[in-house]
Every structure is written in C-alpha cells, then in structure tokens.
Amino acid sequence: MDRRQQKTREAIFEAFRSVLSSKSYTKITVQDIITEANIGRSTFYSHFETKDDLLKEMCTDLFGHIFSESLNTEATHDFSLEVGNPSSMITHILYHLRDNKKNITGILASESGALFLRFFKQYLSELIVGHLLEDVKRKHKGVPDDFLVNHIAGSFVEMVQWWIKNSMSHPPEELAAYFLAVTNPG
C-alpha cells in the first residue's frame, strides 16, 4: 500500500473513531464516515466494503501491533528485551489498551463491542496457544486445550472489561500479575 492509500486509510479510521464517540454504531452510516473523513464514497469503498469491514480492519491493525511478536520500545513502555515472557506480553497488551482507552471504551460502549470482543478474544487465543501453553506442565491433563484456551481468553476479556469499568485504576503490571496468578494453567 502506498503512502497516499495509507494516509486515506488512516483518515477513514480517525473519522470512524470520531463518529463512534458521538453516535451509536448501528446509527452510523458510511455517509457519516465519509463526511467526517472528507473523502468520496468511491474512495471509502475502494478500502472497505462495509462499516463492519472497517471495524474489523481497525481491530486487525490495532491487534496486529498489540499482539506482535516483537515488543518494541514505545512512548509509555519498553518490553523490547523481554520477548517471549508471558507477563511482559500481557502487560504490553494492557498498556496499549490503556493508551487507546478513548477508542476502546467508545467501541466497547457501542453495539460494535461484541464484534470487537470477538476479534480480541481470537487474537488472545492465538497468543495463549503460542506462548502460555507451550512447554507448560499442567496439573489437570484431562482438560482439553481448546477448553483451557477459551477459559483463559474469556477471563482476560472479562478482566479488561472490569479494568475499564474501574477507570483503569490499577497499573498494567499489577493487573498482569493478578491475571497470571489466577489463570496459571500449570
């Protein structure tokens, strides 16, 4: 994707976030988004087929970075030397959620919240399979992996919702420690 296309895509994402902060998801139209982004209808449709596709792509971009294998130095945190450490990966996710609090809470407060949470849980499940379950000795070997992954991912989603509801008053490191203490599959 060239820079012009990337810039247009970012303008669409920003317009969507802006409209989402003032209007419920089901009431948002493509016209609302293109008006806010100051682009034409054909430009929108050259990037996205529907507003659901826009939401999915926005989640994919956000989660693609949050769940990246490489943890880079960032403005609010640096886990670049702790690749593969489950605690660092969870804390990294929590920092990003906190840094994007306005967008995340806007999405979760709307009807799009269920769709967002489904994508979020899907990415979490992949992370859990790839990093938290590998080479771990489990006490209860009869529990199927897919059940365990679903349980851990669901627990994380519920924890994030609790955290947001409580104004994100706990620091990410503390929340990560709580999460690992109650979900350790070992």
C-alpha atoms as a PDB file:
ATOM      1  CA  MET A   1       0.000   0.000   0.000  1.00  0.00           C
ATOM      2  CA  ASP A   2       1.469   3.353  -0.997  1.00  0.00           C
ATOM      3  CA  ARG A   3       1.653   6.376   1.321  1.00  0.00           C
ATOM      4  CA  ARG A   4      -1.376   8.075  -0.204  1.00  0.00           C
ATOM      5  CA  GLN A   5      -3.540   4.991   0.335  1.00  0.00           C
ATOM      6  CA  GLN A   6      -2.191   4.610   3.875  1.00  0.00           C
ATOM      7  CA  LYS A   7      -2.975   8.258   4.623  1.00  0.00           C
ATOM      8  CA  THR A   8      -6.539   7.853   3.305  1.00  0.00           C
ATOM      9  CA  ARG A   9      -6.997   4.674   5.320  1.00  0.00           C
ATOM     10  CA  GLU A  10      -5.841   6.458   8.488  1.00  0.00           C
ATOM     11  CA  ALA A  11      -8.234   9.331   7.753  1.00  0.00           C
ATOM     12  CA  ILE A  12     -11.091   6.825   7.477  1.00  0.00           C
ATOM     13  CA  PHE A  13     -10.075   5.149  10.765  1.00  0.00           C
ATOM     14  CA  GLU A  14      -9.863   8.516  12.519  1.00  0.00           C
ATOM     15  CA  ALA A  15     -13.223   9.626  11.112  1.00  0.00           C
ATOM     16  CA  PHE A  16     -14.793   6.351  12.242  1.00  0.00           C
ATOM     17  CA  ARG A  17     -13.383   6.775  15.766  1.00  0.00           C
ATOM     18  CA  SER A  18     -14.656  10.335  15.879  1.00  0.00           C
ATOM     19  CA  VAL A  19     -18.172   9.433  14.714  1.00  0.00           C
ATOM     20  CA  LEU A  20     -18.211   6.431  17.048  1.00  0.00           C
ATOM     21  CA  SER A  21     -17.547   8.689  20.015  1.00  0.00           C
ATOM     22  CA  SER A  22     -20.712  10.670  19.336  1.00  0.00           C
ATOM     23  CA  LYS A  23     -23.071   8.162  17.730  1.00  0.00           C
ATOM     24  CA  SER A  24     -24.022   4.546  18.362  1.00  0.00           C
ATOM     25  CA  TYR A  25     -22.558   2.011  15.953  1.00  0.00           C
ATOM     26  CA  THR A  26     -25.899   0.909  14.497  1.00  0.00           C
ATOM     27  CA  LYS A  27     -26.793   4.517  13.674  1.00  0.00           C
ATOM     28  CA  ILE A  28     -23.503   5.289  11.946  1.00  0.00           C
ATOM     29  CA  THR A  29     -23.742   5.339   8.171  1.00  0.00           C
ATOM     30  CA  VAL A  30     -21.000   5.222   5.576  1.00  0.00           C
ATOM     31  CA  GLN A  31     -22.078   8.768   4.724  1.00  0.00           C
ATOM     32  CA  ASP A  32     -21.263   9.868   8.295  1.00  0.00           C
ATOM     33  CA  ILE A  33     -17.781   8.400   7.956  1.00  0.00           C
ATOM     34  CA  ILE A  34     -17.005   9.849   4.525  1.00  0.00           C
ATOM     35  CA  THR A  35     -18.294  13.274   5.556  1.00  0.00           C
ATOM     36  CA  GLU A  36     -16.059  13.250   8.645  1.00  0.00           C
ATOM     37  CA  ALA A  37     -13.072  11.950   6.645  1.00  0.00           C
ATOM     38  CA  ASN A  38     -13.725  14.418   3.810  1.00  0.00           C
ATOM     39  CA  ILE A  39     -13.451  11.725   1.136  1.00  0.00           C
ATOM     40  CA  GLY A  40     -15.713  10.437  -1.610  1.00  0.00           C
ATOM     41  CA  ARG A  41     -17.933   7.373  -1.384  1.00  0.00           C
ATOM     42  CA  SER A  42     -15.911   5.506  -4.024  1.00  0.00           C
ATOM     43  CA  THR A  43     -12.735   6.161  -2.020  1.00  0.00           C
ATOM     44  CA  PHE A  44     -14.315   4.605   1.070  1.00  0.00           C
ATOM     45  CA  TYR A  45     -15.486   1.565  -0.911  1.00  0.00           C
ATOM     46  CA  SER A  46     -12.073   1.138  -2.520  1.00  0.00           C
ATOM     47  CA  HIS A  47     -10.768   0.474   1.012  1.00  0.00           C
ATOM     48  CA  PHE A  48     -13.736  -1.190   2.768  1.00  0.00           C
ATOM     49  CA  GLU A  49     -16.884  -2.970   1.611  1.00  0.00           C
ATOM     50  CA  THR A  50     -18.948  -2.098   4.722  1.00  0.00           C
ATOM     51  CA  LYS A  51     -18.613  -0.353   8.066  1.00  0.00           C
ATOM     52  CA  ASP A  52     -18.327  -3.843   9.648  1.00  0.00           C
ATOM     53  CA  ASP A  53     -15.294  -4.458   7.435  1.00  0.00           C
ATOM     54  CA  LEU A  54     -13.936  -1.098   8.583  1.00  0.00           C
ATOM     55  CA  LEU A  55     -14.354  -2.123  12.232  1.00  0.00           C
ATOM     56  CA  LYS A  56     -12.741  -5.496  11.551  1.00  0.00           C
ATOM     57  CA  GLU A  57      -9.763  -3.867   9.813  1.00  0.00           C
ATOM     58  CA  MET A  58      -9.386  -1.310  12.584  1.00  0.00           C
ATOM     59  CA  CYS A  59      -9.288  -4.169  15.108  1.00  0.00           C
ATOM     60  CA  THR A  60      -6.863  -6.139  12.933  1.00  0.00           C
ATOM     61  CA  ASP A  61      -4.491  -3.169  12.721  1.00  0.00           C
ATOM     62  CA  LEU A  62      -4.708  -2.494  16.456  1.00  0.00           C
ATOM     63  CA  PHE A  63      -4.363  -6.135  17.471  1.00  0.00           C
ATOM     64  CA  GLY A  64      -1.680  -6.808  14.864  1.00  0.00           C
ATOM     65  CA  HIS A  65       0.517  -4.338  16.683  1.00  0.00           C
ATOM     66  CA  ILE A  66      -0.564  -5.180  20.223  1.00  0.00           C
ATOM     67  CA  PHE A  67      -0.043  -8.913  19.698  1.00  0.00           C
ATOM     68  CA  SER A  68       3.149  -8.515  17.690  1.00  0.00           C
ATOM     69  CA  GLU A  69       5.922 -10.992  18.329  1.00  0.00           C
ATOM     70  CA  SER A  70       8.397  -8.124  18.625  1.00  0.00           C
ATOM     71  CA  LEU A  71       7.906  -5.907  21.636  1.00  0.00           C
ATOM     72  CA  ASN A  72       9.379  -2.527  20.741  1.00  0.00           C
ATOM     73  CA  THR A  73      10.323   0.455  22.840  1.00  0.00           C
ATOM     74  CA  GLU A  74       7.285   2.707  22.932  1.00  0.00           C
ATOM     75  CA  ALA A  75       6.352   6.035  24.488  1.00  0.00           C
ATOM     76  CA  THR A  76       4.721   4.522  27.592  1.00  0.00           C
ATOM     77  CA  HIS A  77       6.598   1.249  27.980  1.00  0.00           C
ATOM     78  CA  ASP A  78       9.588  -0.819  26.877  1.00  0.00           C
ATOM     79  CA  PHE A  79       9.464  -4.602  26.813  1.00  0.00           C
ATOM     80  CA  SER A  80      11.860  -4.954  23.875  1.00  0.00           C
ATOM     81  CA  LEU A  81      14.300  -7.073  25.891  1.00  0.00           C
ATOM     82  CA  GLU A  82      11.626  -9.394  27.270  1.00  0.00           C
ATOM     83  CA  VAL A  83      10.396 -11.200  24.150  1.00  0.00           C
ATOM     84  CA  GLY A  84       8.565 -14.419  24.990  1.00  0.00           C
ATOM     85  CA  ASN A  85       7.919 -13.504  28.624  1.00  0.00           C
ATOM     86  CA  PRO A  86       4.168 -14.050  29.231  1.00  0.00           C
ATOM     87  CA  SER A  87       3.987 -11.375  31.922  1.00  0.00           C
ATOM     88  CA  SER A  88       5.613  -8.811  29.642  1.00  0.00           C
ATOM     89  CA  MET A  89       3.344  -9.715  26.741  1.00  0.00           C
ATOM     90  CA  ILE A  90       0.213  -9.349  28.880  1.00  0.00           C
ATOM     91  CA  THR A  91       1.480  -6.076  30.350  1.00  0.00           C
ATOM     92  CA  HIS A  92       2.259  -4.833  26.814  1.00  0.00           C
ATOM     93  CA  ILE A  93      -1.343  -5.566  25.767  1.00  0.00           C
ATOM     94  CA  LEU A  94      -2.688  -3.747  28.822  1.00  0.00           C
ATOM     95  CA  TYR A  95      -0.526  -0.678  28.143  1.00  0.00           C
ATOM     96  CA  HIS A  96      -1.888  -0.485  24.613  1.00  0.00           C
ATOM     97  CA  LEU A  97      -5.442  -0.814  25.816  1.00  0.00           C
ATOM     98  CA  ARG A  98      -4.808   1.955  28.346  1.00  0.00           C
ATOM     99  CA  ASP A  99      -3.069   4.145  25.746  1.00  0.00           C
ATOM    100  CA  ASN A 100      -6.070   3.658  23.420  1.00  0.00           C
ATOM    101  CA  LYS A 101      -8.640   3.964  26.207  1.00  0.00           C
ATOM    102  CA  LYS A 102     -10.782   6.536  24.396  1.00  0.00           C
ATOM    103  CA  ASN A 103     -11.118   4.408  21.260  1.00  0.00           C
ATOM    104  CA  ILE A 104     -11.510   1.120  23.129  1.00  0.00           C
ATOM    105  CA  THR A 105     -14.160   2.409  25.514  1.00  0.00           C
ATOM    106  CA  GLY A 106     -16.032   4.022  22.618  1.00  0.00           C
ATOM    107  CA  ILE A 107     -16.112   0.740  20.746  1.00  0.00           C
ATOM    108  CA  LEU A 108     -16.989  -1.338  23.817  1.00  0.00           C
ATOM    109  CA  ALA A 109     -19.790   1.051  24.786  1.00  0.00           C
ATOM    110  CA  SER A 110     -21.439   0.680  21.392  1.00  0.00           C
ATOM    111  CA  GLU A 111     -23.184  -2.193  19.676  1.00  0.00           C
ATOM    112  CA  SER A 112     -19.878  -2.949  17.953  1.00  0.00           C
ATOM    113  CA  GLY A 113     -18.458  -4.039  21.305  1.00  0.00           C
ATOM    114  CA  ALA A 114     -19.424  -7.682  20.797  1.00  0.00           C
ATOM    115  CA  LEU A 115     -17.710  -7.764  17.395  1.00  0.00           C
ATOM    116  CA  PHE A 116     -14.612  -6.056  18.837  1.00  0.00           C
ATOM    117  CA  LEU A 117     -14.503  -8.529  21.746  1.00  0.00           C
ATOM    118  CA  ARG A 118     -14.832 -11.483  19.374  1.00  0.00           C
ATOM    119  CA  PHE A 119     -11.789 -10.288  17.388  1.00  0.00           C
ATOM    120  CA  PHE A 120      -9.931  -9.524  20.619  1.00  0.00           C
ATOM    121  CA  LYS A 121     -10.633 -12.994  22.005  1.00  0.00           C
ATOM    122  CA  GLN A 122      -9.499 -14.583  18.731  1.00  0.00           C
ATOM    123  CA  TYR A 123      -6.124 -12.799  18.937  1.00  0.00           C
ATOM    124  CA  LEU A 124      -5.822 -13.652  22.625  1.00  0.00           C
ATOM    125  CA  SER A 125      -6.452 -17.320  21.890  1.00  0.00           C
ATOM    126  CA  GLU A 126      -3.633 -17.358  19.336  1.00  0.00           C
ATOM    127  CA  LEU A 127      -1.313 -15.700  21.867  1.00  0.00           C
ATOM    128  CA  ILE A 128      -2.273 -18.178  24.578  1.00  0.00           C
ATOM    129  CA  VAL A 129      -1.679 -21.188  22.328  1.00  0.00           C
ATOM    130  CA  GLY A 130       1.633 -19.785  21.084  1.00  0.00           C
ATOM    131  CA  HIS A 131       3.089 -18.567  24.369  1.00  0.00           C
ATOM    132  CA  LEU A 132       1.261 -19.561  27.517  1.00  0.00           C
ATOM    133  CA  LEU A 133       0.553 -23.235  26.820  1.00  0.00           C
ATOM    134  CA  GLU A 134       3.765 -24.272  25.148  1.00  0.00           C
ATOM    135  CA  ASP A 135       6.053 -26.398  27.301  1.00  0.00           C
ATOM    136  CA  VAL A 136       3.926 -25.949  30.414  1.00  0.00           C
ATOM    137  CA  LYS A 137       3.299 -28.807  32.824  1.00  0.00           C
ATOM    138  CA  ARG A 138      -0.376 -28.909  33.634  1.00  0.00           C
ATOM    139  CA  LYS A 139      -1.935 -30.297  36.785  1.00  0.00           C
ATOM    140  CA  HIS A 140      -5.151 -31.336  35.056  1.00  0.00           C
ATOM    141  CA  LYS A 141      -4.113 -33.164  31.900  1.00  0.00           C
ATOM    142  CA  GLY A 142      -7.705 -34.231  31.166  1.00  0.00           C
ATOM    143  CA  VAL A 143      -8.798 -30.652  30.409  1.00  0.00           C
ATOM    144  CA  PRO A 144      -8.842 -30.195  26.611  1.00  0.00           C
ATOM    145  CA  ASP A 145      -6.574 -27.461  25.251  1.00  0.00           C
ATOM    146  CA  ASP A 146      -9.406 -25.698  23.423  1.00  0.00           C
ATOM    147  CA  PHE A 147     -11.434 -25.509  26.656  1.00  0.00           C
ATOM    148  CA  LEU A 148      -8.445 -24.120  28.547  1.00  0.00           C
ATOM    149  CA  VAL A 149      -7.649 -21.551  25.842  1.00  0.00           C
ATOM    150  CA  ASN A 150     -11.294 -20.426  25.736  1.00  0.00           C
ATOM    151  CA  HIS A 151     -11.356 -20.117  29.529  1.00  0.00           C
ATOM    152  CA  ILE A 152      -8.134 -18.084  29.732  1.00  0.00           C
ATOM    153  CA  ALA A 153      -9.073 -15.783  26.822  1.00  0.00           C
ATOM    154  CA  GLY A 154     -12.556 -15.246  28.250  1.00  0.00           C
ATOM    155  CA  SER A 155     -11.077 -14.476  31.644  1.00  0.00           C
ATOM    156  CA  PHE A 156      -8.736 -11.900  30.093  1.00  0.00           C
ATOM    157  CA  VAL A 157     -11.606 -10.200  28.237  1.00  0.00           C
ATOM    158  CA  GLU A 158     -13.655 -10.054  31.453  1.00  0.00           C
ATOM    159  CA  MET A 159     -10.654  -8.666  33.328  1.00  0.00           C
ATOM    160  CA  VAL A 160     -10.210  -5.908  30.723  1.00  0.00           C
ATOM    161  CA  GLN A 161     -13.891  -5.010  30.949  1.00  0.00           C
ATOM    162  CA  TRP A 162     -13.614  -4.877  34.754  1.00  0.00           C
ATOM    163  CA  TRP A 163     -10.483  -2.729  34.462  1.00  0.00           C
ATOM    164  CA  ILE A 164     -12.187  -0.258  32.113  1.00  0.00           C
ATOM    165  CA  LYS A 165     -15.282  -0.139  34.336  1.00  0.00           C
ATOM    166  CA  ASN A 166     -12.986   0.752  37.258  1.00  0.00           C
ATOM    167  CA  SER A 167     -11.339   3.609  35.309  1.00  0.00           C
ATOM    168  CA  MET A 168      -8.181   1.564  34.691  1.00  0.00           C
ATOM    169  CA  SER A 169      -7.102   2.463  38.218  1.00  0.00           C
ATOM    170  CA  HIS A 170      -4.659  -0.469  38.536  1.00  0.00           C
ATOM    171  CA  PRO A 171      -1.336  -0.239  36.678  1.00  0.00           C
ATOM    172  CA  PRO A 172      -0.839  -2.730  33.822  1.00  0.00           C
ATOM    173  CA  GLU A 173       1.964  -4.572  35.666  1.00  0.00           C
ATOM    174  CA  GLU A 174      -0.267  -5.169  38.680  1.00  0.00           C
ATOM    175  CA  LEU A 175      -3.176  -6.357  36.558  1.00  0.00           C
ATOM    176  CA  ALA A 176      -0.911  -8.721  34.599  1.00  0.00           C
ATOM    177  CA  ALA A 177       0.339 -10.223  37.864  1.00  0.00           C
ATOM    178  CA  TYR A 178      -3.250 -10.743  39.078  1.00  0.00           C
ATOM    179  CA  PHE A 179      -4.226 -12.347  35.784  1.00  0.00           C
ATOM    180  CA  LEU A 180      -1.294 -14.753  35.728  1.00  0.00           C
ATOM    181  CA  ALA A 181      -1.885 -15.662  39.376  1.00  0.00           C
ATOM    182  CA  VAL A 182      -5.468 -16.775  38.736  1.00  0.00           C
ATOM    183  CA  THR A 183      -5.071 -18.341  35.290  1.00  0.00           C
ATOM    184  CA  ASN A 184      -1.783 -20.185  35.508  1.00  0.00           C
ATOM    185  CA  PRO A 185      -2.526 -23.401  33.589  1.00  0.00           C
ATOM    186  CA  GLY A 186       0.285 -25.265  35.331  1.00  0.00           C
END
